[in-house]
Protein backbone atom coordinates (compact mmCIF):
# COMPACT_ATOMS: atom_id res chain seq x y z
CA UNK A 1 5.22 -12.83 43.25
CA UNK A 2 2.40 -14.97 41.32
CA UNK A 3 3.37 -15.67 37.83
CA UNK A 4 0.75 -15.07 34.90
CA UNK A 5 0.78 -17.04 31.86
CA UNK A 6 0.56 -14.33 29.27
CA UNK A 7 -0.76 -16.11 25.91
CA UNK A 8 1.03 -15.40 22.50
CA UNK A 9 -2.01 -13.43 21.29
CA UNK A 10 -1.30 -10.73 24.12
CA UNK A 11 2.34 -10.76 23.16
CA UNK A 12 1.39 -10.64 19.59
CA UNK A 13 -0.81 -7.67 20.67
CA UNK A 14 2.29 -6.26 22.32
CA UNK A 15 4.40 -6.40 19.17
CA UNK A 16 1.71 -4.63 17.15
CA UNK A 17 1.40 -1.62 19.44
CA UNK A 18 5.40 -1.18 19.34
CA UNK A 19 5.22 -1.57 15.67
CA UNK A 20 2.40 1.88 15.68
CA UNK A 21 5.57 3.17 18.10
CA UNK A 22 8.04 2.36 15.22
CA UNK A 23 6.25 4.11 12.43
CA UNK A 24 5.52 7.24 14.71
CA UNK A 25 9.54 7.35 15.80
CA UNK A 26 10.16 7.45 11.91
CA UNK A 27 7.47 10.11 11.32
CA UNK A 28 9.38 11.99 14.21
CA UNK A 29 12.75 11.54 12.56
CA UNK A 30 11.67 12.76 9.23
CA UNK A 31 10.01 15.79 10.74
CA UNK A 32 12.98 16.50 13.08
CA UNK A 33 15.09 15.96 9.80
CA UNK A 34 12.99 18.61 8.07
CA UNK A 35 12.93 21.10 10.38
CA UNK A 36 16.70 21.00 11.31
CA UNK A 37 17.81 21.47 7.84
CA UNK A 38 15.65 23.96 7.20
CA UNK A 39 13.09 22.36 4.67
CA UNK A 40 10.49 23.00 7.20
CA UNK A 41 9.00 24.89 9.91
CA UNK A 42 7.62 23.18 13.22
CA UNK A 43 4.14 23.98 11.75
CA UNK A 44 4.38 22.79 8.53
CA UNK A 45 3.18 19.27 9.25
CA UNK A 46 -0.85 19.73 9.54
CA UNK A 47 -2.80 17.11 10.66
CA UNK A 48 -4.84 15.39 8.06
CA UNK A 49 -3.85 17.26 5.38
CA UNK A 50 -1.50 15.78 2.72
CA UNK A 51 1.98 17.17 3.24
CA UNK A 52 5.61 16.54 2.55
CA UNK A 53 7.08 14.37 -0.12
CA UNK A 54 4.98 10.98 -1.28
CA UNK A 55 7.12 8.60 0.88
CA UNK A 56 6.43 10.65 4.19
CA UNK A 57 2.69 11.09 3.48
CA UNK A 58 2.51 7.07 2.82
CA UNK A 59 4.69 6.66 5.83
CA UNK A 60 2.19 8.93 7.65
CA UNK A 61 -0.91 6.89 6.29
CA UNK A 62 0.75 3.53 7.03
CA UNK A 63 0.64 5.00 10.99
CA UNK A 64 -2.42 5.91 10.91
CA UNK A 65 -3.73 2.57 9.28
CA UNK A 66 -2.05 1.05 12.22
CA UNK A 67 -3.54 3.04 14.45
CA UNK A 68 -7.00 2.57 13.10
CA UNK A 69 -6.96 -1.30 13.35
CA UNK A 70 -5.39 -1.21 17.08
CA UNK A 71 -8.35 -0.80 19.09
CA UNK A 72 -10.41 -3.60 17.31
CA UNK A 73 -7.42 -6.13 17.45
CA UNK A 74 -6.88 -5.27 21.09
CA UNK A 75 -10.72 -5.66 22.17
CA UNK A 76 -10.55 -9.20 20.23
CA UNK A 77 -6.98 -10.51 22.15
CA UNK A 78 -8.21 -9.12 25.25
CA UNK A 79 -11.52 -10.41 25.04
CA UNK A 80 -10.01 -13.80 23.93
CA UNK A 81 -7.87 -13.81 27.19
CA UNK A 82 -10.36 -13.19 29.38
CA UNK A 83 -12.50 -15.80 27.88
CA UNK A 84 -9.47 -18.04 28.50
CA UNK A 85 -8.54 -18.71 24.57
CA UNK A 86 -5.02 -19.53 24.86
CA UNK A 87 -5.43 -21.54 22.24
CA UNK A 88 -2.90 -22.61 18.93
CA UNK A 89 -5.37 -21.34 16.41
CA UNK A 90 -6.09 -18.34 18.53
CA UNK A 91 -2.83 -17.57 18.94
CA UNK A 92 -2.04 -18.41 15.44
CA UNK A 93 -4.56 -15.66 14.25
CA UNK A 94 -3.19 -13.02 16.37
CA UNK A 95 0.23 -13.42 15.13
CA UNK A 96 -1.06 -13.77 11.37
CA UNK A 97 -2.61 -10.43 11.94
CA UNK A 98 0.56 -8.68 12.93
CA UNK A 99 2.95 -10.38 10.61
CA UNK A 100 -0.13 -8.99 7.94
CA UNK A 101 0.06 -5.52 9.30
CA UNK A 102 3.83 -5.02 9.44
CA UNK A 103 3.57 -6.27 5.58
CA UNK A 104 0.97 -4.24 5.00
CA UNK A 105 2.72 -0.88 6.23
CA UNK A 106 6.05 -2.08 4.57
CA UNK A 107 4.06 -2.25 1.07
CA UNK A 108 2.34 1.14 1.94
CA UNK A 109 5.53 2.95 2.59
CA UNK A 110 7.65 1.61 -0.16
CA UNK A 111 5.43 2.24 -3.01
CA UNK A 112 2.02 3.80 -4.18
CA UNK A 113 1.91 2.00 -7.19
CA UNK A 114 -1.43 -0.11 -8.45
CA UNK A 115 0.30 -3.40 -7.30
CA UNK A 116 1.45 -1.96 -3.94
CA UNK A 117 -2.24 -0.99 -3.35
CA UNK A 118 -3.54 -4.41 -4.41
CA UNK A 119 -1.09 -6.15 -2.16
CA UNK A 120 -1.87 -3.47 0.68
CA UNK A 121 -5.67 -4.65 -0.01
CA UNK A 122 -4.67 -8.15 0.49
CA UNK A 123 -2.91 -7.62 3.70
CA UNK A 124 -5.70 -5.85 4.91
CA UNK A 125 -8.25 -8.42 3.96
CA UNK A 126 -6.14 -11.17 5.61
CA UNK A 127 -6.23 -9.39 9.11
CA UNK A 128 -9.96 -8.67 8.68
CA UNK A 129 -10.75 -12.53 7.94
CA UNK A 130 -8.19 -13.51 11.15
CA UNK A 131 -10.06 -10.78 13.34
CA UNK A 132 -13.74 -12.10 12.21
CA UNK A 133 -12.47 -15.72 13.06
CA UNK A 134 -11.01 -14.30 16.70
CA UNK A 135 -14.80 -13.02 17.10
CA UNK A 136 -15.95 -16.13 16.40
CA UNK A 137 -14.16 -18.22 18.42
CA UNK A 138 -14.72 -15.58 21.17
CA UNK A 139 -18.37 -16.22 21.10
CA UNK A 140 -17.82 -20.18 20.50
CA UNK A 141 -16.02 -19.84 24.20
CA UNK A 142 -18.82 -17.67 25.93
CA UNK A 143 -21.67 -19.99 23.93
CA UNK A 144 -23.08 -17.40 22.31
CA UNK A 145 -23.57 -19.89 19.54
């Protein structure tokens, strides 16, 4: 069997995907708990419409926010891998994105206060800056500029 060197950025992408799974498992557990306790029916969770407690809805939104960025992050990591970017900087950027995403999700789940919203935005900004930096590195590796 041929061994493949898997860059840290690909591991970070895998952790990001697992974080999305963790969030959806908590959503599922919350829904099952509500249905089993008789507080909600199986059809009481309409997609895209606010429902449940504020904490439940923040969990739902944290999960959706995570999923919204996953394809972008995935495309950058995989493009970087194809371009041979197994560099400390590229891998660090991918790791920072995952950490910032988890922090953003935890803040989102924990509070809807103005401070929490500002901290979530800061976490998002960190992710976006890192993603643009990754894209620049990919373009540089491809000799686009």
